PDB file of N, CA and C in Angstrom:
ATOM      1  N   MET A   1      -1.032 -45.732  11.502  1.00  0.00           N
ATOM      2  CA  MET A   1      -0.055 -46.973  11.308  1.00  0.00           C
ATOM      3  C   MET A   1      -1.072 -48.157  12.262  1.00  0.00           C
ATOM      4  N   THR A   2      -0.869 -49.246  11.490  1.00  0.00           N
ATOM      5  CA  THR A   2      -1.369 -50.262  12.327  1.00  0.00           C
ATOM      6  C   THR A   2      -0.216 -51.669  12.395  1.00  0.00           C
ATOM      7  N   ASN A   3      -0.584 -52.336  13.365  1.00  0.00           N
ATOM      8  CA  ASN A   3       0.441 -53.336  13.452  1.00  0.00           C
ATOM      9  C   ASN A   3      -0.511 -54.552  14.493  1.00  0.00           C
ATOM     10  N   VAL A   4       0.298 -55.206  14.808  1.00  0.00           N
ATOM     11  CA  VAL A   4      -0.343 -56.514  15.864  1.00  0.00           C
ATOM     12  C   VAL A   4      -0.614 -56.202  16.967  1.00  0.00           C
ATOM     13  N   LEU A   5      -0.180 -54.861  17.531  1.00  0.00           N
ATOM     14  CA  LEU A   5      -0.468 -54.469  18.993  1.00  0.00           C
ATOM     15  C   LEU A   5      -1.435 -53.535  19.044  1.00  0.00           C
ATOM     16  N   GLY A   6      -1.835 -52.684  17.796  1.00  0.00           N
ATOM     17  CA  GLY A   6      -2.959 -51.968  17.634  1.00  0.00           C
ATOM     18  C   GLY A   6      -2.789 -50.940  16.679  1.00  0.00           C
ATOM     19  N   GLN A   7      -3.300 -49.563  17.058  1.00  0.00           N
ATOM     20  CA  GLN A   7      -3.099 -48.615  15.828  1.00  0.00           C
ATOM     21  C   GLN A   7      -2.978 -47.204  16.714  1.00  0.00           C
ATOM     22  N   ALA A   8      -2.190 -46.408  15.574  1.00  0.00           N
ATOM     23  CA  ALA A   8      -1.865 -45.102  16.102  1.00  0.00           C
ATOM     24  C   ALA A   8      -2.189 -44.049  15.229  1.00  0.00           C
ATOM     25  N   LYS A   9      -2.599 -42.906  15.855  1.00  0.00           N
ATOM     26  CA  LYS A   9      -3.085 -41.800  14.740  1.00  0.00           C
ATOM     27  C   LYS A   9      -2.450 -40.685  15.442  1.00  0.00           C
ATOM     28  N   LYS A  10      -2.231 -39.697  14.528  1.00  0.00           N
ATOM     29  CA  LYS A  10      -1.796 -38.558  14.786  1.00  0.00           C
ATOM     30  C   LYS A  10      -2.092 -37.311  13.816  1.00  0.00           C
ATOM     31  N   ALA A  11      -2.652 -36.090  14.231  1.00  0.00           N
ATOM     32  CA  ALA A  11      -3.271 -35.186  13.615  1.00  0.00           C
ATOM     33  C   ALA A  11      -2.153 -34.358  13.619  1.00  0.00           C
ATOM     34  N   VAL A  12      -1.642 -33.441  12.302  1.00  0.00           N
ATOM     35  CA  VAL A  12      -0.883 -32.699  12.462  1.00  0.00           C
ATOM     36  C   VAL A  12      -1.007 -31.314  11.346  1.00  0.00           C
ATOM     37  N   LYS A  13      -0.736 -30.206  11.773  1.00  0.00           N
ATOM     38  CA  LYS A  13      -1.093 -29.041  11.255  1.00  0.00           C
ATOM     39  C   LYS A  13       0.252 -28.733  10.425  1.00  0.00           C
ATOM     40  N   LEU A  14      -0.037 -28.385   8.954  1.00  0.00           N
ATOM     41  CA  LEU A  14       1.106 -28.059   8.286  1.00  0.00           C
ATOM     42  C   LEU A  14       1.024 -26.437   7.642  1.00  0.00           C
ATOM     43  N   PHE A  15       1.663 -25.561   8.052  1.00  0.00           N
ATOM     44  CA  PHE A  15       1.692 -24.212   7.625  1.00  0.00           C
ATOM     45  C   PHE A  15       2.712 -23.970   6.723  1.00  0.00           C
ATOM     46  N   VAL A  16       2.496 -23.696   5.767  1.00  0.00           N
ATOM     47  CA  VAL A  16       3.127 -23.005   4.493  1.00  0.00           C
ATOM     48  C   VAL A  16       3.370 -21.460   4.526  1.00  0.00           C
ATOM     49  N   GLU A  17       4.736 -21.059   4.867  1.00  0.00           N
ATOM     50  CA  GLU A  17       4.714 -19.680   4.814  1.00  0.00           C
ATOM     51  C   GLU A  17       5.037 -19.173   3.312  1.00  0.00           C
ATOM     52  N   VAL A  18       4.463 -17.916   3.114  1.00  0.00           N
ATOM     53  CA  VAL A  18       4.580 -17.452   1.773  1.00  0.00           C
ATOM     54  C   VAL A  18       4.900 -16.078   1.772  1.00  0.00           C
ATOM     55  N   SER A  19       6.111 -15.373   1.048  1.00  0.00           N
ATOM     56  CA  SER A  19       6.361 -14.359   0.914  1.00  0.00           C
ATOM     57  C   SER A  19       5.345 -13.390   0.353  1.00  0.00           C
ATOM     58  N   PRO A  20       5.104 -12.020   0.655  1.00  0.00           N
ATOM     59  CA  PRO A  20       4.241 -11.409  -0.085  1.00  0.00           C
ATOM     60  C   PRO A  20       4.240 -11.097  -1.402  1.00  0.00           C
ATOM     61  N   GLU A  21       2.926 -10.856  -2.019  1.00  0.00           N
ATOM     62  CA  GLU A  21       2.946 -10.915  -3.181  1.00  0.00           C
ATOM     63  C   GLU A  21       1.595 -10.066  -3.452  1.00  0.00           C
ATOM     64  N   PHE A  22       1.555  -9.063  -4.575  1.00  0.00           N
ATOM     65  CA  PHE A  22       0.555  -7.914  -4.587  1.00  0.00           C
ATOM     66  C   PHE A  22      -0.542  -8.568  -5.442  1.00  0.00           C
ATOM     67  N   ILE A  23      -1.883  -8.528  -4.806  1.00  0.00           N
ATOM     68  CA  ILE A  23      -3.326  -8.925  -5.450  1.00  0.00           C
ATOM     69  C   ILE A  23      -3.674  -7.438  -6.522  1.00  0.00           C
ATOM     70  N   GLU A  24      -3.295  -6.323  -6.087  1.00  0.00           N
ATOM     71  CA  GLU A  24      -3.806  -5.136  -6.373  1.00  0.00           C
ATOM     72  C   GLU A  24      -2.673  -3.969  -6.052  1.00  0.00           C
ATOM     73  N   THR A  25      -2.321  -3.212  -7.142  1.00  0.00           N
ATOM     74  CA  THR A  25      -1.235  -2.265  -6.874  1.00  0.00           C
ATOM     75  C   THR A  25      -2.052  -1.027  -7.820  1.00  0.00           C
ATOM     76  N   PRO A  26      -1.589   0.326  -7.235  1.00  0.00           N
ATOM     77  CA  PRO A  26      -2.126   1.494  -7.701  1.00  0.00           C
ATOM     78  C   PRO A  26      -1.517   1.578  -9.284  1.00  0.00           C
ATOM     79  N   ASP A  27      -2.221   2.565  -9.793  1.00  0.00           N
ATOM     80  CA  ASP A  27      -1.827   2.788 -11.212  1.00  0.00           C
ATOM     81  C   ASP A  27      -0.475   3.501 -11.141  1.00  0.00           C
ATOM     82  N   ARG A  28       0.277   3.945 -12.129  1.00  0.00           N
ATOM     83  CA  ARG A  28       1.728   4.710 -11.841  1.00  0.00           C
ATOM     84  C   ARG A  28       1.284   5.772 -11.451  1.00  0.00           C
ATOM     85  N   ASP A  29       0.521   6.409 -12.417  1.00  0.00           N
ATOM     86  CA  ASP A  29       0.138   7.858 -12.307  1.00  0.00           C
ATOM     87  C   ASP A  29      -1.390   8.006 -12.029  1.00  0.00           C
ATOM     88  N   ILE A  30      -1.819   8.952 -10.925  1.00  0.00           N
ATOM     89  CA  ILE A  30      -3.324   9.134 -10.539  1.00  0.00           C
ATOM     90  C   ILE A  30      -3.224  10.385 -10.612  1.00  0.00           C
ATOM     91  N   LYS A  31      -4.533  11.007 -11.292  1.00  0.00           N
ATOM     92  CA  LYS A  31      -4.811  12.443 -11.386  1.00  0.00           C
ATOM     93  C   LYS A  31      -5.984  12.843 -10.097  1.00  0.00           C
ATOM     94  N   VAL A  32      -5.885  13.550  -9.256  1.00  0.00           N
ATOM     95  CA  VAL A  32      -6.725  13.624  -8.100  1.00  0.00           C
ATOM     96  C   VAL A  32      -7.146  15.216  -8.452  1.00  0.00           C
ATOM     97  N   THR A  33      -8.367  15.050  -8.113  1.00  0.00           N
ATOM     98  CA  THR A  33      -9.228  16.560  -8.061  1.00  0.00           C
ATOM     99  C   THR A  33      -8.708  17.451  -6.749  1.00  0.00           C
ATOM    100  N   ALA A  34      -8.504  18.727  -7.091  1.00  0.00           N
ATOM    101  CA  ALA A  34      -8.313  19.701  -6.012  1.00  0.00           C
ATOM    102  C   ALA A  34      -9.183  19.576  -4.992  1.00  0.00           C
ATOM    103  N   ASN A  35      -9.092  19.576  -3.515  1.00  0.00           N
ATOM    104  CA  ASN A  35      -9.806  19.428  -2.559  1.00  0.00           C
ATOM    105  C   ASN A  35     -10.743  18.415  -2.241  1.00  0.00           C
ATOM    106  N   SER A  36     -10.398  17.458  -2.973  1.00  0.00           N
ATOM    107  CA  SER A  36     -11.196  15.890  -2.845  1.00  0.00           C
ATOM    108  C   SER A  36     -10.513  14.927  -2.293  1.00  0.00           C
ATOM    109  N   LEU A  37     -11.212  13.770  -1.827  1.00  0.00           N
ATOM    110  CA  LEU A  37     -10.344  12.670  -1.513  1.00  0.00           C
ATOM    111  C   LEU A  37      -9.546  11.925  -2.465  1.00  0.00           C
ATOM    112  N   ALA A  38      -8.401  11.361  -2.388  1.00  0.00           N
ATOM    113  CA  ALA A  38      -7.407  10.527  -2.847  1.00  0.00           C
ATOM    114  C   ALA A  38      -7.403   9.324  -2.299  1.00  0.00           C
ATOM    115  N   SER A  39      -7.958   8.341  -2.616  1.00  0.00           N
ATOM    116  CA  SER A  39      -7.865   6.982  -2.144  1.00  0.00           C
ATOM    117  C   SER A  39      -7.448   5.976  -2.997  1.00  0.00           C
ATOM    118  N   ILE A  40      -6.473   5.254  -2.346  1.00  0.00           N
ATOM    119  CA  ILE A  40      -5.284   4.748  -3.287  1.00  0.00           C
ATOM    120  C   ILE A  40      -5.440   3.331  -2.943  1.00  0.00           C
ATOM    121  N   SER A  41      -5.744   2.280  -3.348  1.00  0.00           N
ATOM    122  CA  SER A  41      -5.729   0.779  -2.854  1.00  0.00           C
ATOM    123  C   SER A  41      -4.229   0.044  -3.239  1.00  0.00           C
ATOM    124  N   CYS A  42      -3.933  -0.793  -1.960  1.00  0.00           N
ATOM    125  CA  CYS A  42      -2.916  -1.731  -2.342  1.00  0.00           C
ATOM    126  C   CYS A  42      -2.750  -2.695  -1.561  1.00  0.00           C
ATOM    127  N   GLN A  43      -3.148  -3.855  -2.039  1.00  0.00           N
ATOM    128  CA  GLN A  43      -3.395  -5.335  -1.376  1.00  0.00           C
ATOM    129  C   GLN A  43      -2.436  -6.222  -1.736  1.00  0.00           C
ATOM    130  N   ALA A  44      -2.147  -6.912  -0.747  1.00  0.00           N
ATOM    131  CA  ALA A  44      -1.090  -8.144  -0.904  1.00  0.00           C
ATOM    132  C   ALA A  44      -1.339  -9.255   0.117  1.00  0.00           C
ATOM    133  N   PHE A  45      -0.906 -10.365  -0.591  1.00  0.00           N
ATOM    134  CA  PHE A  45      -1.177 -11.629   0.423  1.00  0.00           C
ATOM    135  C   PHE A  45       0.190 -12.188   0.909  1.00  0.00           C
ATOM    136  N   GLY A  46      -0.046 -13.271   1.535  1.00  0.00           N
ATOM    137  CA  GLY A  46       0.850 -14.008   2.195  1.00  0.00           C
ATOM    138  C   GLY A  46       0.887 -14.517   3.471  1.00  0.00           C
ATOM    139  N   PHE A  47       1.888 -15.161   3.969  1.00  0.00           N
ATOM    140  CA  PHE A  47       1.424 -16.021   5.034  1.00  0.00           C
ATOM    141  C   PHE A  47       2.933 -15.975   5.909  1.00  0.00           C
ATOM    142  N   PRO A  48       3.276 -15.320   6.983  1.00  0.00           N
ATOM    143  CA  PRO A  48       2.062 -14.736   7.815  1.00  0.00           C
ATOM    144  C   PRO A  48       1.446 -13.515   6.924  1.00  0.00           C
ATOM    145  N   SER A  49       0.279 -13.121   7.159  1.00  0.00           N
ATOM    146  CA  SER A  49      -0.108 -12.052   6.602  1.00  0.00           C
ATOM    147  C   SER A  49       0.954 -10.543   6.635  1.00  0.00           C
ATOM    148  N   PRO A  50       0.884 -10.090   5.398  1.00  0.00           N
ATOM    149  CA  PRO A  50       1.735  -8.847   5.307  1.00  0.00           C
ATOM    150  C   PRO A  50       1.326  -7.742   5.746  1.00  0.00           C
ATOM    151  N   THR A  51       2.105  -6.695   6.563  1.00  0.00           N
ATOM    152  CA  THR A  51       1.707  -5.719   6.769  1.00  0.00           C
ATOM    153  C   THR A  51       2.001  -4.458   5.905  1.00  0.00           C
ATOM    154  N   ILE A  52       0.815  -3.590   5.270  1.00  0.00           N
ATOM    155  CA  ILE A  52       0.972  -2.622   4.247  1.00  0.00           C
ATOM    156  C   ILE A  52       1.485  -1.445   4.888  1.00  0.00           C
ATOM    157  N   VAL A  53       2.558  -0.632   4.198  1.00  0.00           N
ATOM    158  CA  VAL A  53       2.822   0.821   4.818  1.00  0.00           C
ATOM    159  C   VAL A  53       2.756   1.808   3.745  1.00  0.00           C
ATOM    160  N   TRP A  54       2.512   2.903   3.624  1.00  0.00           N
ATOM    161  CA  TRP A  54       2.702   3.708   2.836  1.00  0.00           C
ATOM    162  C   TRP A  54       3.522   4.857   3.044  1.00  0.00           C
ATOM    163  N   SER A  55       4.156   5.418   2.171  1.00  0.00           N
ATOM    164  CA  SER A  55       5.505   6.271   2.500  1.00  0.00           C
ATOM    165  C   SER A  55       5.439   7.158   1.428  1.00  0.00           C
ATOM    166  N   ARG A  56       6.358   8.596   1.576  1.00  0.00           N
ATOM    167  CA  ARG A  56       6.717   9.400   0.387  1.00  0.00           C
ATOM    168  C   ARG A  56       8.335   9.480   0.638  1.00  0.00           C
ATOM    169  N   GLY A  57       9.209   8.776   0.603  1.00  0.00           N
ATOM    170  CA  GLY A  57      10.340   8.783   0.562  1.00  0.00           C
ATOM    171  C   GLY A  57      10.625   9.681   1.859  1.00  0.00           C
ATOM    172  N   LEU A  58      11.440  10.930   1.672  1.00  0.00           N
ATOM    173  CA  LEU A  58      11.747  11.671   2.606  1.00  0.00           C
ATOM    174  C   LEU A  58      10.708  12.896   3.082  1.00  0.00           C
ATOM    175  N   VAL A  59       9.770  12.743   2.590  1.00  0.00           N
ATOM    176  CA  VAL A  59       8.666  13.766   2.780  1.00  0.00           C
ATOM    177  C   VAL A  59       7.692  13.068   3.591  1.00  0.00           C
ATOM    178  N   PRO A  60       7.131  13.504   4.634  1.00  0.00           N
ATOM    179  CA  PRO A  60       6.128  12.949   5.722  1.00  0.00           C
ATOM    180  C   PRO A  60       4.881  12.940   4.834  1.00  0.00           C
ATOM    181  N   LEU A  61       4.251  11.843   5.145  1.00  0.00           N
ATOM    182  CA  LEU A  61       2.715  11.788   4.763  1.00  0.00           C
ATOM    183  C   LEU A  61       1.776  13.195   5.312  1.00  0.00           C
ATOM    184  N   PRO A  62       0.827  13.735   4.615  1.00  0.00           N
ATOM    185  CA  PRO A  62       0.312  14.814   5.319  1.00  0.00           C
ATOM    186  C   PRO A  62      -0.691  14.627   6.710  1.00  0.00           C
ATOM    187  N   GLN A  63      -0.114  15.456   7.358  1.00  0.00           N
ATOM    188  CA  GLN A  63      -0.674  15.300   8.797  1.00  0.00           C
ATOM    189  C   GLN A  63      -1.760  15.651   9.044  1.00  0.00           C
ATOM    190  N   GLY A  64      -2.791  14.799   9.816  1.00  0.00           N
ATOM    191  CA  GLY A  64      -4.059  15.016  10.201  1.00  0.00           C
ATOM    192  C   GLY A  64      -5.129  14.695   8.932  1.00  0.00           C
ATOM    193  N   ARG A  65      -4.427  14.401   7.878  1.00  0.00           N
ATOM    194  CA  ARG A  65      -5.543  14.364   6.615  1.00  0.00           C
ATOM    195  C   ARG A  65      -5.430  12.929   5.971  1.00  0.00           C
ATOM    196  N   VAL A  66      -4.650  11.814   6.654  1.00  0.00           N
ATOM    197  CA  VAL A  66      -4.468  10.642   6.073  1.00  0.00           C
ATOM    198  C   VAL A  66      -4.813   9.395   6.909  1.00  0.00           C
ATOM    199  N   THR A  67      -5.373   8.543   6.410  1.00  0.00           N
ATOM    200  CA  THR A  67      -5.825   7.298   6.917  1.00  0.00           C
ATOM    201  C   THR A  67      -5.039   6.119   6.125  1.00  0.00           C
ATOM    202  N   VAL A  68      -4.881   5.159   6.708  1.00  0.00           N
ATOM    203  CA  VAL A  68      -4.460   3.687   5.980  1.00  0.00           C
ATOM    204  C   VAL A  68      -5.383   2.871   6.530  1.00  0.00           C
ATOM    205  N   ILE A  69      -6.329   2.277   5.690  1.00  0.00           N
ATOM    206  CA  ILE A  69      -7.169   1.032   6.081  1.00  0.00           C
ATOM    207  C   ILE A  69      -7.214   0.009   5.218  1.00  0.00           C
ATOM    208  N   ASN A  70      -6.844  -0.841   5.882  1.00  0.00           N
ATOM    209  CA  ASN A  70      -6.753  -2.090   5.120  1.00  0.00           C
ATOM    210  C   ASN A  70      -6.016  -2.175   3.617  1.00  0.00           C
ATOM    211  N   GLY A  71      -4.736  -1.323   3.803  1.00  0.00           N
ATOM    212  CA  GLY A  71      -3.847  -1.337   2.625  1.00  0.00           C
ATOM    213  C   GLY A  71      -4.318   0.243   1.816  1.00  0.00           C
ATOM    214  N   THR A  72      -5.468   0.473   1.877  1.00  0.00           N
ATOM    215  CA  THR A  72      -5.955   1.910   0.983  1.00  0.00           C
ATOM    216  C   THR A  72      -5.690   2.973   1.557  1.00  0.00           C
ATOM    217  N   LEU A  73      -4.438   3.987   1.035  1.00  0.00           N
ATOM    218  CA  LEU A  73      -4.661   5.228   1.323  1.00  0.00           C
ATOM    219  C   LEU A  73      -5.480   6.075   1.404  1.00  0.00           C
ATOM    220  N   ASN A  74      -5.853   6.774   2.040  1.00  0.00           N
ATOM    221  CA  ASN A  74      -6.932   8.117   2.066  1.00  0.00           C
ATOM    222  C   ASN A  74      -6.161   9.317   2.424  1.00  0.00           C
ATOM    223  N   ILE A  75      -6.236  10.332   1.096  1.00  0.00           N
ATOM    224  CA  ILE A  75      -5.602  11.535   1.864  1.00  0.00           C
ATOM    225  C   ILE A  75      -6.736  12.688   1.559  1.00  0.00           C
ATOM    226  N   PHE A  76      -7.247  13.252   2.818  1.00  0.00           N
ATOM    227  CA  PHE A  76      -8.598  14.175   2.557  1.00  0.00           C
ATOM    228  C   PHE A  76      -8.220  15.247   2.260  1.00  0.00           C
ATOM    229  N   ASN A  77      -8.916  16.149   1.555  1.00  0.00           N
ATOM    230  CA  ASN A  77      -8.787  17.456   0.826  1.00  0.00           C
ATOM    231  C   ASN A  77      -7.410  17.784   0.123  1.00  0.00           C
ATOM    232  N   PHE A  78      -7.340  16.883  -0.692  1.00  0.00           N
ATOM    233  CA  PHE A  78      -6.115  17.007  -1.602  1.00  0.00           C
ATOM    234  C   PHE A  78      -5.555  18.171  -2.059  1.00  0.00           C
ATOM    235  N   SER A  79      -4.039  18.458  -1.726  1.00  0.00           N
ATOM    236  CA  SER A  79      -3.815  19.974  -2.095  1.00  0.00           C
ATOM    237  C   SER A  79      -2.712  19.767  -3.095  1.00  0.00           C
ATOM    238  N   LEU A  80      -1.908  20.909  -3.477  1.00  0.00           N
ATOM    239  CA  LEU A  80      -0.596  21.051  -4.432  1.00  0.00           C
ATOM    240  C   LEU A  80       0.180  20.074  -3.195  1.00  0.00           C
ATOM    241  N   GLU A  81       0.457  20.491  -2.135  1.00  0.00           N
ATOM    242  CA  GLU A  81       1.596  19.941  -1.365  1.00  0.00           C
ATOM    243  C   GLU A  81       1.542  18.257  -1.265  1.00  0.00           C
ATOM    244  N   ASP A  82       0.120  17.834  -1.937  1.00  0.00           N
ATOM    245  CA  ASP A  82       0.182  16.237  -1.640  1.00  0.00           C
ATOM    246  C   ASP A  82       0.778  15.431  -3.088  1.00  0.00           C
ATOM    247  N   VAL A  83       1.116  16.368  -3.980  1.00  0.00           N
ATOM    248  CA  VAL A  83       1.370  15.989  -5.264  1.00  0.00           C
ATOM    249  C   VAL A  83       2.888  15.299  -4.847  1.00  0.00           C
ATOM    250  N   GLY A  84       2.942  14.293  -5.829  1.00  0.00           N
ATOM    251  CA  GLY A  84       4.796  13.633  -5.877  1.00  0.00           C
ATOM    252  C   GLY A  84       4.255  11.948  -5.839  1.00  0.00           C
ATOM    253  N   PRO A  85       5.465  11.327  -5.588  1.00  0.00           N
ATOM    254  CA  PRO A  85       5.615   9.995  -5.554  1.00  0.00           C
ATOM    255  C   PRO A  85       5.410   9.397  -4.347  1.00  0.00           C
ATOM    256  N   TYR A  86       4.588   8.348  -4.043  1.00  0.00           N
ATOM    257  CA  TYR A  86       3.940   7.630  -3.316  1.00  0.00           C
ATOM    258  C   TYR A  86       4.399   5.932  -3.270  1.00  0.00           C
ATOM    259  N   GLN A  87       5.009   5.424  -2.087  1.00  0.00           N
ATOM    260  CA  GLN A  87       5.184   3.958  -2.301  1.00  0.00           C
ATOM    261  C   GLN A  87       4.479   3.232  -1.035  1.00  0.00           C
ATOM    262  N   CYS A  88       3.949   2.235  -1.823  1.00  0.00           N
ATOM    263  CA  CYS A  88       3.260   1.059  -1.089  1.00  0.00           C
ATOM    264  C   CYS A  88       4.063  -0.090  -0.705  1.00  0.00           C
ATOM    265  N   LYS A  89       4.533  -0.645   0.444  1.00  0.00           N
ATOM    266  CA  LYS A  89       5.530  -1.420   0.855  1.00  0.00           C
ATOM    267  C   LYS A  89       4.579  -2.700   1.585  1.00  0.00           C
ATOM    268  N   ALA A  90       4.673  -4.089   1.025  1.00  0.00           N
ATOM    269  CA  ALA A  90       4.253  -5.295   1.844  1.00  0.00           C
ATOM    270  C   ALA A  90       5.005  -5.850   2.436  1.00  0.00           C
ATOM    271  N   THR A  91       4.990  -5.993   3.735  1.00  0.00           N
ATOM    272  CA  THR A  91       6.203  -7.042   4.428  1.00  0.00           C
ATOM    273  C   THR A  91       5.765  -8.019   5.480  1.00  0.00           C
ATOM    274  N   ASN A  92       6.408  -9.122   5.453  1.00  0.00           N
ATOM    275  CA  ASN A  92       6.293 -10.174   6.571  1.00  0.00           C
ATOM    276  C   ASN A  92       7.691 -10.505   6.650  1.00  0.00           C
ATOM    277  N   LYS A  93       7.950 -11.704   7.446  1.00  0.00           N
ATOM    278  CA  LYS A  93       9.174 -12.261   7.767  1.00  0.00           C
ATOM    279  C   LYS A  93       9.997 -12.850   6.733  1.00  0.00           C
ATOM    280  N   LEU A  94       9.198 -12.920   5.514  1.00  0.00           N
ATOM    281  CA  LEU A  94       9.925 -13.660   4.632  1.00  0.00           C
ATOM    282  C   LEU A  94      10.297 -12.545   3.532  1.00  0.00           C
ATOM    283  N   GLY A  95       9.890 -11.356   3.392  1.00  0.00           N
ATOM    284  CA  GLY A  95      10.417 -10.159   2.520  1.00  0.00           C
ATOM    285  C   GLY A  95       9.289  -9.256   2.369  1.00  0.00           C
ATOM    286  N   SER A  96       9.596  -8.347   1.422  1.00  0.00           N
ATOM    287  CA  SER A  96       8.677  -7.413   0.946  1.00  0.00           C
ATOM    288  C   SER A  96       8.656  -7.132  -0.369  1.00  0.00           C
ATOM    289  N   VAL A  97       7.738  -6.531  -1.077  1.00  0.00           N
ATOM    290  CA  VAL A  97       7.413  -6.106  -2.302  1.00  0.00           C
ATOM    291  C   VAL A  97       6.963  -4.722  -2.398  1.00  0.00           C
ATOM    292  N   THR A  98       7.280  -3.749  -3.228  1.00  0.00           N
ATOM    293  CA  THR A  98       7.060  -2.496  -3.017  1.00  0.00           C
ATOM    294  C   THR A  98       6.085  -2.313  -4.449  1.00  0.00           C
ATOM    295  N   ALA A  99       5.306  -1.031  -4.272  1.00  0.00           N
ATOM    296  CA  ALA A  99       4.694  -0.756  -5.487  1.00  0.00           C
ATOM    297  C   ALA A  99       4.864   0.958  -5.426  1.00  0.00           C
ATOM    298  N   LEU A 100       4.922   1.581  -6.601  1.00  0.00           N
ATOM    299  CA  LEU A 100       5.016   3.144  -6.528  1.00  0.00           C
ATOM    300  C   LEU A 100       3.738   3.736  -7.465  1.00  0.00           C
ATOM    301  N   THR A 101       3.405   4.825  -7.199  1.00  0.00           N
ATOM    302  CA  THR A 101       2.379   5.736  -8.052  1.00  0.00           C
ATOM    303  C   THR A 101       2.899   7.265  -7.521  1.00  0.00           C
ATOM    304  N   THR A 102       2.279   7.711  -8.782  1.00  0.00           N
ATOM    305  CA  THR A 102       2.625   9.423  -8.398  1.00  0.00           C
ATOM    306  C   THR A 102       1.553  10.274  -8.700  1.00  0.00           C
ATOM    307  N   LEU A 103       0.933  11.119  -7.533  1.00  0.00           N
ATOM    308  CA  LEU A 103      -0.371  11.751  -7.554  1.00  0.00           C
ATOM    309  C   LEU A 103      -0.304  13.128  -8.239  1.00  0.00           C
ATOM    310  N   HIS A 104      -0.862  13.564  -9.248  1.00  0.00           N
ATOM    311  CA  HIS A 104      -0.897  14.746  -9.622  1.00  0.00           C
ATOM    312  C   HIS A 104      -1.975  15.363  -9.491  1.00  0.00           C
ATOM    313  N   TYR A 105      -2.001  16.818  -9.345  1.00  0.00           N
ATOM    314  CA  TYR A 105      -3.085  17.825  -8.682  1.00  0.00           C
ATOM    315  C   TYR A 105      -4.087  18.088  -9.825  1.00  0.00           C
ATOM    316  N   VAL A 106      -5.061  18.048 -10.047  1.00  0.00           N
ATOM    317  CA  VAL A 106      -5.951  18.407 -11.015  1.00  0.00           C
ATOM    318  C   VAL A 106      -7.019  19.794 -10.515  1.00  0.00           C
ATOM    319  N   ASN A 107      -6.925  20.708 -11.145  1.00  0.00           N
ATOM    320  CA  ASN A 107      -7.824  21.942 -10.912  1.00  0.00           C
ATOM    321  C   ASN A 107      -8.608  22.444 -12.103  1.00  0.00           C
ATOM    322  N   LYS A 108      -9.658  22.285 -12.383  1.00  0.00           N
ATOM    323  CA  LYS A 108     -10.456  22.889 -13.224  1.00  0.00           C
ATOM    324  C   LYS A 108      -9.812  22.490 -15.022  1.00  0.00           C
ATOM    325  N   GLY A 109      -9.277  21.626 -14.997  1.00  0.00           N
ATOM    326  CA  GLY A 109      -8.479  21.205 -16.208  1.00  0.00           C
ATOM    327  C   GLY A 109      -7.068  21.293 -16.247  1.00  0.00           C
ATOM    328  N   ILE A 110      -6.821  22.032 -15.348  1.00  0.00           N
ATOM    329  CA  ILE A 110      -5.227  21.856 -15.282  1.00  0.00           C
ATOM    330  C   ILE A 110      -4.602  20.973 -14.128  1.00  0.00           C
ATOM    331  N   TYR A 111      -3.673  20.242 -14.321  1.00  0.00           N
ATOM    332  CA  TYR A 111      -2.805  19.626 -13.445  1.00  0.00           C
ATOM    333  C   TYR A 111      -1.595  19.890 -13.651  1.00  0.00           C
ATOM    334  N   PHE A 112      -0.921  19.239 -12.432  1.00  0.00           N
ATOM    335  CA  PHE A 112       0.541  19.672 -12.099  1.00  0.00           C
ATOM    336  C   PHE A 112       1.133  18.401 -11.549  1.00  0.00           C
ATOM    337  N   THR A 113       2.405  18.013 -12.298  1.00  0.00           N
ATOM    338  CA  THR A 113       3.161  16.677 -11.989  1.00  0.00           C
ATOM    339  C   THR A 113       4.312  16.980 -10.807  1.00  0.00           C
ATOM    340  N   GLN A 114       4.228  18.592 -10.483  1.00  0.00           N
ATOM    341  CA  GLN A 114       5.117  18.516  -9.336  1.00  0.00           C
ATOM    342  C   GLN A 114       4.952  19.827  -8.663  1.00  0.00           C
ATOM    343  N   PHE A 115       5.195  19.849  -7.547  1.00  0.00           N
ATOM    344  CA  PHE A 115       4.841  21.271  -6.750  1.00  0.00           C
ATOM    345  C   PHE A 115       5.379  22.338  -7.378  1.00  0.00           C
ATOM    346  N   PRO A 116       4.814  23.519  -7.765  1.00  0.00           N
ATOM    347  CA  PRO A 116       5.057  24.662  -8.136  1.00  0.00           C
ATOM    348  C   PRO A 116       6.144  25.258  -7.419  1.00  0.00           C
ATOM    349  N   ARG A 117       7.394  26.079  -8.162  1.00  0.00           N
ATOM    350  CA  ARG A 117       8.436  26.685  -7.760  1.00  0.00           C
ATOM    351  C   ARG A 117       7.940  27.939  -6.904  1.00  0.00           C
ATOM    352  N   LYS A 118       8.603  28.207  -6.071  1.00  0.00           N
ATOM    353  CA  LYS A 118       8.051  29.768  -5.423  1.00  0.00           C
ATOM    354  C   LYS A 118       8.966  30.676  -6.094  1.00  0.00           C
ATOM    355  N   LYS A 119       8.515  32.061  -6.525  1.00  0.00           N
ATOM    356  CA  LYS A 119       9.164  33.114  -6.903  1.00  0.00           C
ATOM    357  C   LYS A 119      10.218  33.527  -6.003  1.00  0.00           C
ATOM    358  N   LEU A 120      11.221  33.904  -6.345  1.00  0.00           N
ATOM    359  CA  LEU A 120      12.278  34.453  -5.510  1.00  0.00           C
ATOM    360  C   LEU A 120      12.104  36.229  -5.424  1.00  0.00           C
TER     361      LEU A 120
END
């Protein structure tokens, strides 16, 4: 701004906040070979940057065999116990989005869509 008395300037930064949106989601159904690494990617953007959390509903993630790095879920030594639905949730202070996938167990051409029931 300029007038007869001089000039005034002010620099400002404008931050636009954006709720999370997915840029990559896992396929709805994924077949994983027995005893292999299951690596499932889930990526989101937003501002502030969203936090990505993987879960299995009421079933805990496999203990000692799981890592989540930059939104990618890695399950080492995939087994029948790991079969089932998984959820990726991206959250920031403006909201959240979720994506679902189901992992299936494949062993020598045979695959399971749910954990086999034990015989009584």
